[in-house]
Structure formats: structure tokens, C-alpha cells
Amino acid sequence: MSSTISPQGAAPIRVAVCHRDPLLRLGVCVALQSDARFVVGNDTQPADRVFAGASAVDARVLVADYDTGLAVARRHPDGRGPRMLVLKIGRAHV
């Protein structure tokens, strides 16, 4: 993947990657880290600890497994939490 340079003066987007599948988590981190528009945090802790700690408090985007995404959404019922991308392995449920 080629690296894209952020527009001059634009702050990079802070992304927290909190997925239980280590291979998927690593792949997402590597893909995003190769792009200058993103600053990536790779966290293996449960969602409650991640969002109570400094590692992801200021993350604008969370990439998570279903359970972690659900836990974070419950902590932010007002919608003020990070934007989320939930990646689920297996059968999709809508």
C-alpha cells in the first residue's frame, strides 16, 4: 500500500485498534500505519480498560471486535464516543 501524505497542517486521525483476533489486529495496524494520515494504537486490553486509560481516550476511531465495540457503545450512550468500525469473523448478523 502506498503512503499518502496528509494535507499540510492537518492533524492525523488517531485510531485505536482493539480486536481479539491477533492476526486481524496486526493486519489492520500495519495497513493503517503505512498511511501518514493515521496514528495507530494497538491495544489488546478489554474495552473498559482501553477507554479508561490514556491509550485510546483521544482516539477518534475505534476498530474493534463485536464484543469490544458493543462495550464501548454502551459506555457512550450519548454518542460522544469514538466512531467505530466493528470487524466480525464468521457469519454476519445484521
Protein backbone atom coordinates (compact mmCIF):
# COMPACT_ATOMS: atom_id res chain seq x y z
CA MET A 1 0.00 0.00 0.00
CA SER A 2 1.41 3.40 -0.86
CA SER A 3 1.73 6.07 1.77
CA THR A 4 -0.48 9.13 1.49
CA ILE A 5 0.76 12.41 2.91
CA SER A 6 -1.68 14.44 4.97
CA PRO A 7 -2.57 17.88 3.71
CA GLN A 8 -0.21 20.43 5.21
CA GLY A 9 -1.32 21.37 8.70
CA ALA A 10 -3.93 18.60 9.00
CA ALA A 11 -3.68 16.57 12.19
CA PRO A 12 -3.52 12.80 11.70
CA ILE A 13 -6.56 10.75 12.69
CA ARG A 14 -5.98 8.83 15.92
CA VAL A 15 -7.15 5.22 15.61
CA ALA A 16 -7.34 2.63 18.40
CA VAL A 17 -7.27 -0.99 17.23
CA CYS A 18 -8.79 -3.26 19.89
CA HIS A 19 -9.59 -6.60 18.33
CA ARG A 20 -9.39 -10.02 19.98
CA ASP A 21 -8.02 -11.72 16.87
CA PRO A 22 -4.27 -11.03 16.94
CA LEU A 23 -3.71 -11.58 13.22
CA LEU A 24 -6.57 -9.30 12.21
CA ARG A 25 -5.45 -6.68 14.76
CA LEU A 26 -1.88 -6.74 13.42
CA GLY A 27 -3.04 -6.54 9.80
CA VAL A 28 -5.23 -3.50 10.46
CA CYS A 29 -2.40 -1.80 12.36
CA VAL A 30 0.15 -2.43 9.61
CA ALA A 31 -2.23 -1.21 6.91
CA LEU A 32 -3.06 2.00 8.77
CA GLN A 33 0.48 2.70 9.97
CA SER A 34 1.69 2.80 6.38
CA ASP A 35 -0.53 5.83 5.78
CA ALA A 36 0.61 9.18 7.21
CA ARG A 37 -3.00 10.27 7.78
CA PHE A 38 -3.31 7.91 10.76
CA VAL A 39 -1.70 7.49 14.17
CA VAL A 40 -2.45 3.96 15.34
CA GLY A 41 -2.64 2.44 18.81
CA ASN A 42 -2.69 -1.36 19.07
CA ASP A 43 -4.33 -2.48 22.27
CA THR A 44 -5.09 -6.00 23.46
CA GLN A 45 -6.80 -4.93 26.68
CA PRO A 46 -10.56 -5.23 27.20
CA ALA A 47 -12.57 -2.20 26.09
CA ASP A 48 -13.25 -0.99 29.64
CA ARG A 49 -9.53 -0.70 30.36
CA VAL A 50 -8.67 0.74 26.96
CA PHE A 51 -11.12 3.60 27.19
CA ALA A 52 -10.35 4.26 30.86
CA GLY A 53 -6.64 4.57 30.05
CA ALA A 54 -4.69 7.10 28.05
CA SER A 55 -4.04 4.85 25.05
CA ALA A 56 -7.38 5.40 23.35
CA VAL A 57 -9.10 8.20 25.24
CA ASP A 58 -8.45 10.67 22.46
CA ALA A 59 -8.86 8.20 19.59
CA ARG A 60 -11.35 9.42 17.02
CA VAL A 61 -11.88 5.95 15.54
CA LEU A 62 -12.04 2.51 17.13
CA VAL A 63 -11.51 -0.67 15.11
CA ALA A 64 -12.84 -3.49 17.27
CA ASP A 65 -14.36 -6.93 17.51
CA TYR A 66 -18.11 -7.15 18.12
CA ASP A 67 -17.96 -7.54 21.92
CA THR A 68 -15.48 -4.69 22.38
CA GLY A 69 -17.45 -2.40 20.08
CA LEU A 70 -20.65 -3.18 21.96
CA ALA A 71 -18.99 -2.50 25.33
CA VAL A 72 -17.67 0.86 24.13
CA ALA A 73 -21.05 1.81 22.64
CA ARG A 74 -22.71 1.06 25.99
CA ARG A 75 -20.23 3.35 27.74
CA HIS A 76 -21.16 6.19 25.38
CA PRO A 77 -24.98 6.09 25.05
CA ASP A 78 -24.93 9.80 24.19
CA GLY A 79 -22.97 9.03 21.00
CA ARG A 80 -19.92 11.03 22.10
CA GLY A 81 -17.55 8.08 21.94
CA PRO A 82 -15.24 7.32 19.05
CA ARG A 83 -16.56 6.39 15.63
CA MET A 84 -16.38 2.62 15.30
CA LEU A 85 -15.59 0.01 12.70
CA VAL A 86 -16.59 -3.41 14.03
CA LEU A 87 -14.95 -6.37 12.31
CA LYS A 88 -16.57 -9.72 12.93
CA ILE A 89 -15.17 -13.03 11.79
CA GLY A 90 -17.65 -15.69 10.78
CA ARG A 91 -21.30 -15.39 9.89
CA ALA A 92 -22.58 -11.84 9.63
CA HIS A 93 -25.56 -10.83 11.74
CA VAL A 94 -27.46 -7.69 10.82
